[in-house]
N, C-alpha and C. Protein backbone atom coordinates (compact mmCIF):
# COMPACT_ATOMS: atom_id res chain seq x y z
N MET A 1 0.88 -1.22 0.05
CA MET A 1 0.01 0.00 -0.03
C MET A 1 0.89 1.20 -0.06
N SER A 2 0.44 2.20 -0.76
CA SER A 2 1.32 3.54 -0.75
C SER A 2 0.89 4.29 0.45
N ASP A 3 1.70 5.32 0.70
CA ASP A 3 1.49 6.23 1.83
C ASP A 3 0.12 6.92 1.63
N LEU A 4 -0.28 7.28 0.43
CA LEU A 4 -1.56 7.91 0.17
C LEU A 4 -2.75 7.00 0.41
N GLN A 5 -2.68 5.82 0.08
CA GLN A 5 -3.68 4.78 0.28
C GLN A 5 -3.79 4.59 1.86
N VAL A 6 -2.67 4.51 2.45
CA VAL A 6 -2.70 4.24 4.00
C VAL A 6 -3.36 5.50 4.54
N SER A 7 -3.02 6.68 4.16
CA SER A 7 -3.69 7.87 4.73
C SER A 7 -5.22 7.89 4.41
N GLN A 8 -5.59 7.56 3.27
CA GLN A 8 -7.02 7.52 2.90
C GLN A 8 -7.79 6.52 3.87
N VAL A 9 -7.20 5.34 3.99
CA VAL A 9 -7.86 4.29 4.84
C VAL A 9 -7.91 4.75 6.24
N ALA A 10 -6.83 5.35 6.79
CA ALA A 10 -6.77 5.85 8.17
C ALA A 10 -7.88 6.95 8.31
N GLY A 11 -8.05 7.80 7.34
CA GLY A 11 -9.01 8.90 7.41
C GLY A 11 -10.41 8.37 7.45
N ARG A 12 -10.67 7.32 6.68
CA ARG A 12 -11.99 6.68 6.63
C ARG A 12 -12.28 5.97 7.92
N LEU A 13 -11.24 5.31 8.49
CA LEU A 13 -11.56 4.58 9.79
C LEU A 13 -11.77 5.64 10.83
N TYR A 14 -11.05 6.72 10.83
CA TYR A 14 -11.36 7.80 11.84
C TYR A 14 -12.74 8.41 11.68
N ASP A 15 -13.05 8.67 10.40
CA ASP A 15 -14.39 9.26 10.14
C ASP A 15 -15.51 8.28 10.60
N ASP A 16 -15.33 7.02 10.27
CA ASP A 16 -16.39 6.05 10.68
C ASP A 16 -16.48 5.82 12.19
N ALA A 17 -15.33 5.99 12.94
CA ALA A 17 -15.35 5.84 14.41
C ALA A 17 -15.72 7.04 15.04
N ASN A 18 -15.69 8.19 14.32
CA ASN A 18 -16.08 9.53 14.97
C ASN A 18 -17.09 10.28 14.06
N PRO A 19 -18.27 9.82 13.98
CA PRO A 19 -19.29 10.50 13.09
C PRO A 19 -19.38 11.93 13.58
N THR A 20 -19.68 12.80 12.51
CA THR A 20 -19.86 14.16 12.80
C THR A 20 -21.25 14.56 12.97
N LEU A 21 -22.20 13.59 13.01
CA LEU A 21 -23.59 14.02 13.19
C LEU A 21 -23.86 14.86 14.30
N GLY A 22 -23.22 14.70 15.36
CA GLY A 22 -23.40 15.62 16.54
C GLY A 22 -22.94 17.08 16.28
N ASN A 23 -22.07 17.28 15.29
CA ASN A 23 -21.58 18.51 15.03
C ASN A 23 -22.35 19.25 13.88
N VAL A 24 -23.27 18.58 13.30
CA VAL A 24 -24.01 19.14 12.21
C VAL A 24 -25.15 19.97 12.80
N PRO A 25 -25.26 21.29 12.33
CA PRO A 25 -26.29 22.09 12.83
C PRO A 25 -27.66 21.51 12.44
N GLN A 26 -28.73 21.76 13.39
CA GLN A 26 -29.99 21.11 13.22
C GLN A 26 -30.83 21.75 12.16
N SER A 27 -30.66 22.95 11.89
CA SER A 27 -31.54 23.72 10.93
C SER A 27 -30.83 23.85 9.59
N ASP A 28 -31.54 23.83 8.52
CA ASP A 28 -31.00 23.97 7.17
C ASP A 28 -30.38 25.35 7.07
N GLU A 29 -30.95 26.33 7.74
CA GLU A 29 -30.43 27.75 7.65
C GLU A 29 -28.98 27.74 8.20
N ASP A 30 -28.68 26.99 9.21
CA ASP A 30 -27.36 27.03 9.87
C ASP A 30 -26.26 26.32 8.92
N ARG A 31 -26.67 25.50 7.97
CA ARG A 31 -25.75 24.80 7.13
C ARG A 31 -25.93 25.18 5.69
N SER A 32 -26.40 26.31 5.48
CA SER A 32 -26.74 26.68 4.11
C SER A 32 -25.49 26.83 3.16
N ASN A 33 -24.37 27.08 3.85
CA ASN A 33 -23.12 27.24 3.03
C ASN A 33 -22.26 25.88 3.13
N TRP A 34 -22.77 24.87 3.79
CA TRP A 34 -21.98 23.60 3.87
C TRP A 34 -22.07 22.99 2.39
N ARG A 35 -21.12 22.16 2.14
CA ARG A 35 -20.99 21.49 0.74
C ARG A 35 -21.31 20.11 0.85
N ARG A 36 -22.04 19.62 -0.21
CA ARG A 36 -22.30 18.21 -0.38
C ARG A 36 -21.20 17.56 -1.11
N ILE A 37 -20.68 16.44 -0.50
CA ILE A 37 -19.50 15.77 -1.14
C ILE A 37 -19.80 14.29 -1.31
N GLN A 38 -19.03 13.60 -2.13
CA GLN A 38 -19.04 12.19 -2.33
C GLN A 38 -17.60 11.74 -2.23
N ARG A 39 -17.38 10.86 -1.38
CA ARG A 39 -16.10 10.36 -1.23
C ARG A 39 -15.83 9.23 -2.25
N SER A 40 -14.57 8.74 -2.44
CA SER A 40 -14.23 7.76 -3.33
C SER A 40 -14.92 6.35 -3.09
N ASP A 41 -15.44 6.20 -1.86
CA ASP A 41 -16.18 4.93 -1.45
C ASP A 41 -17.66 5.13 -1.78
N GLN A 42 -18.02 6.24 -2.41
CA GLN A 42 -19.38 6.47 -2.90
C GLN A 42 -20.31 6.98 -1.81
N LYS A 43 -19.78 7.22 -0.60
CA LYS A 43 -20.64 7.74 0.53
C LYS A 43 -20.79 9.19 0.41
N HIS A 44 -21.86 9.73 0.76
CA HIS A 44 -22.27 11.09 0.74
C HIS A 44 -22.28 11.82 2.10
N TYR A 45 -21.67 12.99 2.13
CA TYR A 45 -21.62 13.74 3.37
C TYR A 45 -21.94 15.24 3.15
N LEU A 46 -22.27 15.90 4.24
CA LEU A 46 -22.27 17.34 4.20
C LEU A 46 -21.00 17.83 4.99
N ILE A 47 -20.38 18.80 4.48
CA ILE A 47 -19.08 19.08 5.06
C ILE A 47 -19.02 20.63 5.16
N HIS A 48 -18.46 21.15 6.26
CA HIS A 48 -18.21 22.56 6.35
C HIS A 48 -17.13 23.02 5.41
N PRO A 49 -17.29 24.18 4.75
CA PRO A 49 -16.35 24.56 3.66
C PRO A 49 -14.91 24.69 4.13
N GLU A 50 -14.67 24.98 5.46
CA GLU A 50 -13.33 25.02 5.97
C GLU A 50 -12.67 23.69 6.06
N ASP A 51 -13.48 22.65 6.10
CA ASP A 51 -12.95 21.23 6.20
C ASP A 51 -12.68 20.60 4.78
N LEU A 52 -13.12 21.31 3.73
CA LEU A 52 -12.95 20.61 2.42
C LEU A 52 -11.48 20.48 2.01
N PRO A 53 -10.60 21.37 2.26
CA PRO A 53 -9.15 21.03 1.87
C PRO A 53 -8.62 19.81 2.57
N GLU A 54 -8.86 19.60 3.87
CA GLU A 54 -8.43 18.40 4.52
C GLU A 54 -9.15 17.21 3.96
N ALA A 55 -10.42 17.29 3.64
CA ALA A 55 -11.06 16.11 3.05
C ALA A 55 -10.47 15.82 1.72
N ARG A 56 -10.11 16.80 0.95
CA ARG A 56 -9.54 16.58 -0.44
C ARG A 56 -8.10 16.01 -0.29
N ARG A 57 -7.44 16.35 0.76
CA ARG A 57 -6.08 15.76 1.04
C ARG A 57 -6.16 14.31 1.37
N ARG A 58 -7.17 13.95 2.13
CA ARG A 58 -7.32 12.52 2.57
C ARG A 58 -7.91 11.73 1.46
N ASP A 59 -8.63 12.26 0.57
CA ASP A 59 -9.30 11.60 -0.51
C ASP A 59 -9.29 12.40 -1.82
N PRO A 60 -8.13 12.29 -2.63
CA PRO A 60 -8.01 13.01 -3.76
C PRO A 60 -9.15 12.86 -4.88
N ALA A 61 -9.84 11.74 -4.78
CA ALA A 61 -10.98 11.42 -5.66
C ALA A 61 -12.26 11.98 -5.25
N LEU A 62 -12.26 12.69 -4.11
CA LEU A 62 -13.50 13.30 -3.57
C LEU A 62 -14.14 14.22 -4.62
N LYS A 63 -15.46 14.18 -4.60
CA LYS A 63 -16.27 15.04 -5.53
C LYS A 63 -17.15 15.96 -4.79
N VAL A 64 -17.08 17.20 -5.12
CA VAL A 64 -18.00 18.19 -4.58
C VAL A 64 -19.24 18.21 -5.45
N LEU A 65 -20.38 17.87 -4.83
CA LEU A 65 -21.64 17.63 -5.63
C LEU A 65 -22.42 18.93 -5.89
N ASP A 66 -22.27 19.93 -5.11
CA ASP A 66 -22.93 21.21 -5.30
C ASP A 66 -21.98 22.25 -5.77
N GLN A 67 -22.44 23.14 -6.57
CA GLN A 67 -21.58 24.27 -7.03
C GLN A 67 -21.92 25.51 -6.34
N GLN A 68 -20.90 26.13 -5.64
CA GLN A 68 -21.03 27.42 -5.02
C GLN A 68 -19.97 28.37 -5.41
């Protein structure tokens, strides 16, 4: 496994073990600027814009599903 693959797997394991559901604002208004993404494992998430660079570093195949 390459270093990149190890980093991606470690990131996914961390994300799976530490779901961010508790950190997601409850109203749509509070997350109106959040981005819809799809990871390379085809899972969909809402992510705060400030977290997007780190998510892309962990998963270079990440897709941003909404355009802002």
